[in-house]
Amino acid sequence: GVDTPEDPPAAPPSVSAAQDAGPVAGLDASDAAFWGLVSGLHLSQDPEPQRSAPTDPAVARLLPDAMPQAGAAEQGAHRALTEDALSEGKLADARLALELLRSTRVEVPHDQAPAFGRALNDVRLVLAARLGVETEEDAARVHAVDDWRSAEDVESTMALLYNFTSWLLETLMTDMLSEQPEGADDSAPGAGDAEGEQ
């Protein structure tokens, strides 16, 4: 089952942690709208020789420059070749997560846990971008918001969702890693994408 930290952050009123049958989490079906945060991803219909970086900072977190040291032309050509496949993978993860969240009680099968974890991490990255989490001070500001009763605006609500999503992702990854055979790849879903995040 899931070994949850002793002091998890406050969950949304409709969310509760579950503790059996592999990585699981109980979520009310209405919370499925939460996954609309990744709706900025889209697939291009026509091949392009060049493609500009996303202007939305949240989408830019999901689709970062793969070659930061490359020139604009090379970077644009690389995006044109790879960005649709990356977007398609992220959308597939989000769709799977949405399907898993359609019931009142959600059970994540072990073989679907990596995709669920990647979707959680993408939502976390979007929330971090919307909240302006760039430094340790920014992270401390967000982590200080810990009471749903005090959520009076969009920013405080996003901060609470960010904290809960971070805890849920950590719980899922801890459970997945604890069940890997000795010597197996210990990379966690989305861990590389979360680099620099708090």
C-alpha atoms as a PDB file:
ATOM      1  CA  GLY A   1       0.000   0.000   0.000  1.00  0.00           C
ATOM      2  CA  VAL A   2       0.926   3.647   0.043  1.00  0.00           C
ATOM      3  CA  ASP A   3       3.168   4.794   2.866  1.00  0.00           C
ATOM      4  CA  THR A   4       2.039   8.367   3.385  1.00  0.00           C
ATOM      5  CA  PRO A   5       4.199  10.973   5.148  1.00  0.00           C
ATOM      6  CA  GLU A   6       3.269  11.648   8.753  1.00  0.00           C
ATOM      7  CA  ASP A   7       2.158  15.205   8.099  1.00  0.00           C
ATOM      8  CA  PRO A   8       0.600  15.508   4.636  1.00  0.00           C
ATOM      9  CA  PRO A   9      -0.538  18.969   3.515  1.00  0.00           C
ATOM     10  CA  ALA A  10      -4.185  19.819   3.798  1.00  0.00           C
ATOM     11  CA  ALA A  11      -6.148  18.114   1.035  1.00  0.00           C
ATOM     12  CA  PRO A  12      -9.032  19.751  -0.829  1.00  0.00           C
ATOM     13  CA  PRO A  13     -12.340  19.180   0.979  1.00  0.00           C
ATOM     14  CA  SER A  14     -13.273  16.453  -1.548  1.00  0.00           C
ATOM     15  CA  VAL A  15      -9.899  14.689  -1.453  1.00  0.00           C
ATOM     16  CA  SER A  16      -8.679  12.013   0.946  1.00  0.00           C
ATOM     17  CA  ALA A  17      -5.622   9.749   0.907  1.00  0.00           C
ATOM     18  CA  ALA A  18      -6.208   6.021   0.490  1.00  0.00           C
ATOM     19  CA  GLN A  19      -3.934   3.279   1.740  1.00  0.00           C
ATOM     20  CA  ASP A  20      -4.334  -0.047  -0.040  1.00  0.00           C
ATOM     21  CA  ALA A  21      -4.013  -1.950  -3.354  1.00  0.00           C
ATOM     22  CA  GLY A  22      -0.936  -0.149  -4.661  1.00  0.00           C
ATOM     23  CA  PRO A  23      -0.534   3.574  -5.440  1.00  0.00           C
ATOM     24  CA  VAL A  24      -4.006   5.000  -4.905  1.00  0.00           C
ATOM     25  CA  ALA A  25      -5.697   8.278  -4.126  1.00  0.00           C
ATOM     26  CA  GLY A  26      -9.334   9.056  -3.375  1.00  0.00           C
ATOM     27  CA  LEU A  27     -10.675  11.974  -5.394  1.00  0.00           C
ATOM     28  CA  ASP A  28     -14.194  13.194  -6.043  1.00  0.00           C
ATOM     29  CA  ALA A  29     -15.098  13.058  -9.735  1.00  0.00           C
ATOM     30  CA  SER A  30     -15.654  16.823  -9.780  1.00  0.00           C
ATOM     31  CA  ASP A  31     -11.918  17.280  -9.242  1.00  0.00           C
ATOM     32  CA  ALA A  32     -11.312  15.959 -12.752  1.00  0.00           C
ATOM     33  CA  ALA A  33     -11.562  19.568 -13.956  1.00  0.00           C
ATOM     34  CA  PHE A  34      -8.219  20.103 -12.231  1.00  0.00           C
ATOM     35  CA  TRP A  35      -6.568  18.345 -15.157  1.00  0.00           C
ATOM     36  CA  GLY A  36      -7.765  21.064 -17.505  1.00  0.00           C
ATOM     37  CA  LEU A  37      -4.608  22.883 -16.443  1.00  0.00           C
ATOM     38  CA  VAL A  38      -2.721  21.045 -19.183  1.00  0.00           C
ATOM     39  CA  SER A  39      -5.164  22.136 -21.882  1.00  0.00           C
ATOM     40  CA  GLY A  40      -2.609  24.570 -23.338  1.00  0.00           C
ATOM     41  CA  LEU A  41      -0.929  21.651 -25.072  1.00  0.00           C
ATOM     42  CA  HIS A  42      -1.931  21.194 -28.686  1.00  0.00           C
ATOM     43  CA  LEU A  43      -0.810  19.329 -31.762  1.00  0.00           C
ATOM     44  CA  SER A  44       0.046  21.083 -35.020  1.00  0.00           C
ATOM     45  CA  GLN A  45      -1.787  19.832 -38.110  1.00  0.00           C
ATOM     46  CA  ASP A  46       0.907  20.672 -40.660  1.00  0.00           C
ATOM     47  CA  PRO A  47       4.669  20.058 -40.638  1.00  0.00           C
ATOM     48  CA  GLU A  48       6.719  23.185 -40.000  1.00  0.00           C
ATOM     49  CA  PRO A  49      10.394  23.881 -40.714  1.00  0.00           C
ATOM     50  CA  GLN A  50      10.567  26.090 -37.608  1.00  0.00           C
ATOM     51  CA  ARG A  51       8.518  26.522 -34.457  1.00  0.00           C
ATOM     52  CA  SER A  52       8.733  29.237 -31.819  1.00  0.00           C
ATOM     53  CA  ALA A  53       8.854  28.528 -28.102  1.00  0.00           C
ATOM     54  CA  PRO A  54       5.495  28.768 -26.276  1.00  0.00           C
ATOM     55  CA  THR A  55       4.646  32.257 -25.074  1.00  0.00           C
ATOM     56  CA  ASP A  56       2.540  31.005 -22.152  1.00  0.00           C
ATOM     57  CA  PRO A  57       4.994  30.463 -19.253  1.00  0.00           C
ATOM     58  CA  ALA A  58       3.024  27.455 -18.007  1.00  0.00           C
ATOM     59  CA  VAL A  59       3.178  25.691 -21.381  1.00  0.00           C
ATOM     60  CA  ALA A  60       6.860  26.654 -21.605  1.00  0.00           C
ATOM     61  CA  ARG A  61       7.420  24.720 -18.359  1.00  0.00           C
ATOM     62  CA  LEU A  62       5.868  21.662 -19.992  1.00  0.00           C
ATOM     63  CA  LEU A  63       7.690  22.103 -23.309  1.00  0.00           C
ATOM     64  CA  PRO A  64      11.050  23.668 -22.387  1.00  0.00           C
ATOM     65  CA  ASP A  65      13.929  24.307 -24.779  1.00  0.00           C
ATOM     66  CA  ALA A  66      15.717  21.006 -25.306  1.00  0.00           C
ATOM     67  CA  MET A  67      18.955  22.704 -26.412  1.00  0.00           C
ATOM     68  CA  PRO A  68      19.350  25.953 -24.438  1.00  0.00           C
ATOM     69  CA  GLN A  69      22.773  26.664 -25.943  1.00  0.00           C
ATOM     70  CA  ALA A  70      21.600  26.286 -29.559  1.00  0.00           C
ATOM     71  CA  GLY A  71      20.760  29.178 -31.822  1.00  0.00           C
ATOM     72  CA  ALA A  72      17.189  30.239 -32.495  1.00  0.00           C
ATOM     73  CA  ALA A  73      17.056  28.543 -35.910  1.00  0.00           C
ATOM     74  CA  GLU A  74      18.373  25.215 -34.609  1.00  0.00           C
ATOM     75  CA  GLN A  75      16.096  25.358 -31.586  1.00  0.00           C
ATOM     76  CA  GLY A  76      13.093  26.129 -33.775  1.00  0.00           C
ATOM     77  CA  ALA A  77      13.898  23.262 -36.129  1.00  0.00           C
ATOM     78  CA  HIS A  78      14.257  20.858 -33.195  1.00  0.00           C
ATOM     79  CA  ARG A  79      10.888  21.957 -31.782  1.00  0.00           C
ATOM     80  CA  ALA A  80       9.250  21.408 -35.168  1.00  0.00           C
ATOM     81  CA  LEU A  81      10.547  17.826 -35.210  1.00  0.00           C
ATOM     82  CA  THR A  82       9.904  16.816 -31.601  1.00  0.00           C
ATOM     83  CA  GLU A  83       7.310  19.027 -29.921  1.00  0.00           C
ATOM     84  CA  ASP A  84       4.195  17.299 -31.272  1.00  0.00           C
ATOM     85  CA  ALA A  85       5.368  13.884 -30.052  1.00  0.00           C
ATOM     86  CA  LEU A  86       6.157  15.328 -26.616  1.00  0.00           C
ATOM     87  CA  SER A  87       2.774  17.064 -26.464  1.00  0.00           C
ATOM     88  CA  GLU A  88       1.020  13.883 -27.557  1.00  0.00           C
ATOM     89  CA  GLY A  89       2.703  11.925 -24.764  1.00  0.00           C
ATOM     90  CA  LYS A  90       1.741  14.487 -22.143  1.00  0.00           C
ATOM     91  CA  LEU A  91      -1.843  14.607 -23.379  1.00  0.00           C
ATOM     92  CA  ALA A  92      -2.024  10.801 -23.279  1.00  0.00           C
ATOM     93  CA  ASP A  93      -0.832  10.843 -19.656  1.00  0.00           C
ATOM     94  CA  ALA A  94      -3.406  13.517 -18.800  1.00  0.00           C
ATOM     95  CA  ARG A  95      -6.213  11.542 -20.466  1.00  0.00           C
ATOM     96  CA  LEU A  96      -5.256   8.414 -18.528  1.00  0.00           C
ATOM     97  CA  ALA A  97      -5.207  10.390 -15.275  1.00  0.00           C
ATOM     98  CA  LEU A  98      -8.587  11.918 -16.102  1.00  0.00           C
ATOM     99  CA  GLU A  99     -10.078   8.471 -16.709  1.00  0.00           C
ATOM    100  CA  LEU A 100      -8.683   7.225 -13.392  1.00  0.00           C
ATOM    101  CA  LEU A 101     -10.248  10.223 -11.644  1.00  0.00           C
ATOM    102  CA  ARG A 102     -13.765   9.666 -12.972  1.00  0.00           C
ATOM    103  CA  SER A 103     -14.802   7.510 -10.024  1.00  0.00           C
ATOM    104  CA  THR A 104     -15.282   8.645  -6.438  1.00  0.00           C
ATOM    105  CA  ARG A 105     -12.535   6.297  -5.297  1.00  0.00           C
ATOM    106  CA  VAL A 106      -9.508   6.016  -7.552  1.00  0.00           C
ATOM    107  CA  GLU A 107      -7.164   3.050  -7.720  1.00  0.00           C
ATOM    108  CA  VAL A 108      -4.048   3.447  -9.835  1.00  0.00           C
ATOM    109  CA  PRO A 109      -2.784   0.100 -11.205  1.00  0.00           C
ATOM    110  CA  HIS A 110       0.959  -0.343 -10.848  1.00  0.00           C
ATOM    111  CA  ASP A 111       1.503  -0.434 -14.613  1.00  0.00           C
ATOM    112  CA  GLN A 112      -0.274   2.928 -14.980  1.00  0.00           C
ATOM    113  CA  ALA A 113       1.409   4.614 -12.012  1.00  0.00           C
ATOM    114  CA  PRO A 114       4.313   6.079 -14.077  1.00  0.00           C
ATOM    115  CA  ALA A 115       1.922   7.810 -16.502  1.00  0.00           C
ATOM    116  CA  PHE A 116      -0.221   9.017 -13.591  1.00  0.00           C
ATOM    117  CA  GLY A 117       2.920  10.374 -11.930  1.00  0.00           C
ATOM    118  CA  ARG A 118       3.979  12.193 -15.101  1.00  0.00           C
ATOM    119  CA  ALA A 119       0.534  13.793 -15.347  1.00  0.00           C
ATOM    120  CA  LEU A 120       0.733  14.888 -11.702  1.00  0.00           C
ATOM    121  CA  ASN A 121       4.156  16.375 -12.331  1.00  0.00           C
ATOM    122  CA  ASP A 122       2.905  18.277 -15.387  1.00  0.00           C
ATOM    123  CA  VAL A 123       0.064  19.775 -13.341  1.00  0.00           C
ATOM    124  CA  ARG A 124       2.584  20.693 -10.649  1.00  0.00           C
ATOM    125  CA  LEU A 125       4.795  22.428 -13.228  1.00  0.00           C
ATOM    126  CA  VAL A 126       1.832  24.403 -14.568  1.00  0.00           C
ATOM    127  CA  LEU A 127       0.824  25.484 -11.065  1.00  0.00           C
ATOM    128  CA  ALA A 128       4.422  26.472 -10.299  1.00  0.00           C
ATOM    129  CA  ALA A 129       4.501  28.663 -13.405  1.00  0.00           C
ATOM    130  CA  ARG A 130       1.163  30.294 -12.590  1.00  0.00           C
ATOM    131  CA  LEU A 131       2.347  30.938  -9.014  1.00  0.00           C
ATOM    132  CA  GLY A 132       5.737  32.278 -10.110  1.00  0.00           C
ATOM    133  CA  VAL A 133       7.754  29.646  -8.233  1.00  0.00           C
ATOM    134  CA  GLU A 134      11.339  30.341  -9.317  1.00  0.00           C
ATOM    135  CA  THR A 135      13.356  30.539  -6.089  1.00  0.00           C
ATOM    136  CA  GLU A 136      13.441  28.999  -2.617  1.00  0.00           C
ATOM    137  CA  GLU A 137      11.765  32.155  -1.327  1.00  0.00           C
ATOM    138  CA  ASP A 138       8.930  31.688  -3.821  1.00  0.00           C
ATOM    139  CA  ALA A 139       8.531  28.072  -2.719  1.00  0.00           C
ATOM    140  CA  ALA A 140       8.448  29.094   0.944  1.00  0.00           C
ATOM    141  CA  ARG A 141       5.731  31.645   0.172  1.00  0.00           C
ATOM    142  CA  VAL A 142       3.599  28.975  -1.517  1.00  0.00           C
ATOM    143  CA  HIS A 143       4.237  26.309   1.138  1.00  0.00           C
ATOM    144  CA  ALA A 144       3.087  28.758   3.829  1.00  0.00           C
ATOM    145  CA  VAL A 145      -0.467  28.542   2.443  1.00  0.00           C
ATOM    146  CA  ASP A 146      -1.795  25.467   4.243  1.00  0.00           C
ATOM    147  CA  ASP A 147      -5.450  26.001   5.195  1.00  0.00           C
ATOM    148  CA  TRP A 148      -8.320  25.538   2.734  1.00  0.00           C
ATOM    149  CA  ARG A 149     -10.563  27.667   4.920  1.00  0.00           C
ATOM    150  CA  SER A 150      -8.350  30.658   4.150  1.00  0.00           C
ATOM    151  CA  ALA A 151      -8.415  30.162   0.363  1.00  0.00           C
ATOM    152  CA  GLU A 152     -10.066  33.426  -0.626  1.00  0.00           C
ATOM    153  CA  ASP A 153      -8.697  33.937  -4.138  1.00  0.00           C
ATOM    154  CA  VAL A 154      -7.345  32.061  -7.151  1.00  0.00           C
ATOM    155  CA  GLU A 155      -3.703  32.340  -6.083  1.00  0.00           C
ATOM    156  CA  SER A 156      -4.221  30.877  -2.613  1.00  0.00           C
ATOM    157  CA  THR A 157      -6.331  28.063  -4.069  1.00  0.00           C
ATOM    158  CA  MET A 158      -3.602  27.271  -6.605  1.00  0.00           C
ATOM    159  CA  ALA A 159      -1.011  27.328  -3.814  1.00  0.00           C
ATOM    160  CA  LEU A 160      -2.993  24.754  -1.841  1.00  0.00           C
ATOM    161  CA  LEU A 161      -3.405  22.578  -4.935  1.00  0.00           C
ATOM    162  CA  TYR A 162       0.322  22.883  -5.650  1.00  0.00           C
ATOM    163  CA  ASN A 163       1.221  21.763  -2.134  1.00  0.00           C
ATOM    164  CA  PHE A 164      -1.213  18.862  -2.230  1.00  0.00           C
ATOM    165  CA  THR A 165      -0.114  17.784  -5.722  1.00  0.00           C
ATOM    166  CA  SER A 166       3.546  17.896  -4.648  1.00  0.00           C
ATOM    167  CA  TRP A 167       2.793  15.715  -1.623  1.00  0.00           C
ATOM    168  CA  LEU A 168       0.700  13.286  -3.669  1.00  0.00           C
ATOM    169  CA  LEU A 169       3.436  12.975  -6.306  1.00  0.00           C
ATOM    170  CA  GLU A 170       6.081  12.377  -3.639  1.00  0.00           C
ATOM    171  CA  THR A 171       3.879   9.719  -2.025  1.00  0.00           C
ATOM    172  CA  LEU A 172       3.303   7.980  -5.356  1.00  0.00           C
ATOM    173  CA  MET A 173       7.002   8.001  -6.266  1.00  0.00           C
ATOM    174  CA  THR A 174       8.021   6.735  -2.821  1.00  0.00           C
ATOM    175  CA  ASP A 175       5.596   3.848  -3.139  1.00  0.00           C
ATOM    176  CA  MET A 176       6.771   3.023  -6.666  1.00  0.00           C
ATOM    177  CA  LEU A 177      10.444   3.091  -5.681  1.00  0.00           C
ATOM    178  CA  SER A 178       9.824   0.919  -2.624  1.00  0.00           C
ATOM    179  CA  GLU A 179       8.370  -1.804  -4.836  1.00  0.00           C
ATOM    180  CA  GLN A 180      11.132  -1.865  -7.448  1.00  0.00           C
ATOM    181  CA  PRO A 181      13.418  -4.923  -7.469  1.00  0.00           C
ATOM    182  CA  GLU A 182      16.973  -4.340  -6.310  1.00  0.00           C
ATOM    183  CA  GLY A 183      19.128  -2.864  -9.057  1.00  0.00           C
ATOM    184  CA  ALA A 184      16.188  -1.576 -11.103  1.00  0.00           C
ATOM    185  CA  ASP A 185      16.158   1.908 -12.589  1.00  0.00           C
ATOM    186  CA  ASP A 186      15.272   4.253  -9.734  1.00  0.00           C
ATOM    187  CA  SER A 187      14.247   7.211 -11.876  1.00  0.00           C
ATOM    188  CA  ALA A 188      10.899   8.649 -10.801  1.00  0.00           C
ATOM    189  CA  PRO A 189       8.183   9.790 -13.221  1.00  0.00           C
ATOM    190  CA  GLY A 190       8.696  13.413 -14.147  1.00  0.00           C
ATOM    191  CA  ALA A 191      11.663  13.863 -11.813  1.00  0.00           C
ATOM    192  CA  GLY A 192      13.786  15.391 -14.548  1.00  0.00           C
ATOM    193  CA  ASP A 193      11.010  17.784 -15.561  1.00  0.00           C
ATOM    194  CA  ALA A 194      10.744  18.995 -11.979  1.00  0.00           C
ATOM    195  CA  GLU A 195      14.371  20.060 -11.791  1.00  0.00           C
ATOM    196  CA  GLY A 196      14.633  23.447 -10.206  1.00  0.00           C
ATOM    197  CA  GLU A 197      11.148  23.234  -8.713  1.00  0.00           C
ATOM    198  CA  GLN A 198      10.576  23.315  -4.976  1.00  0.00           C
END
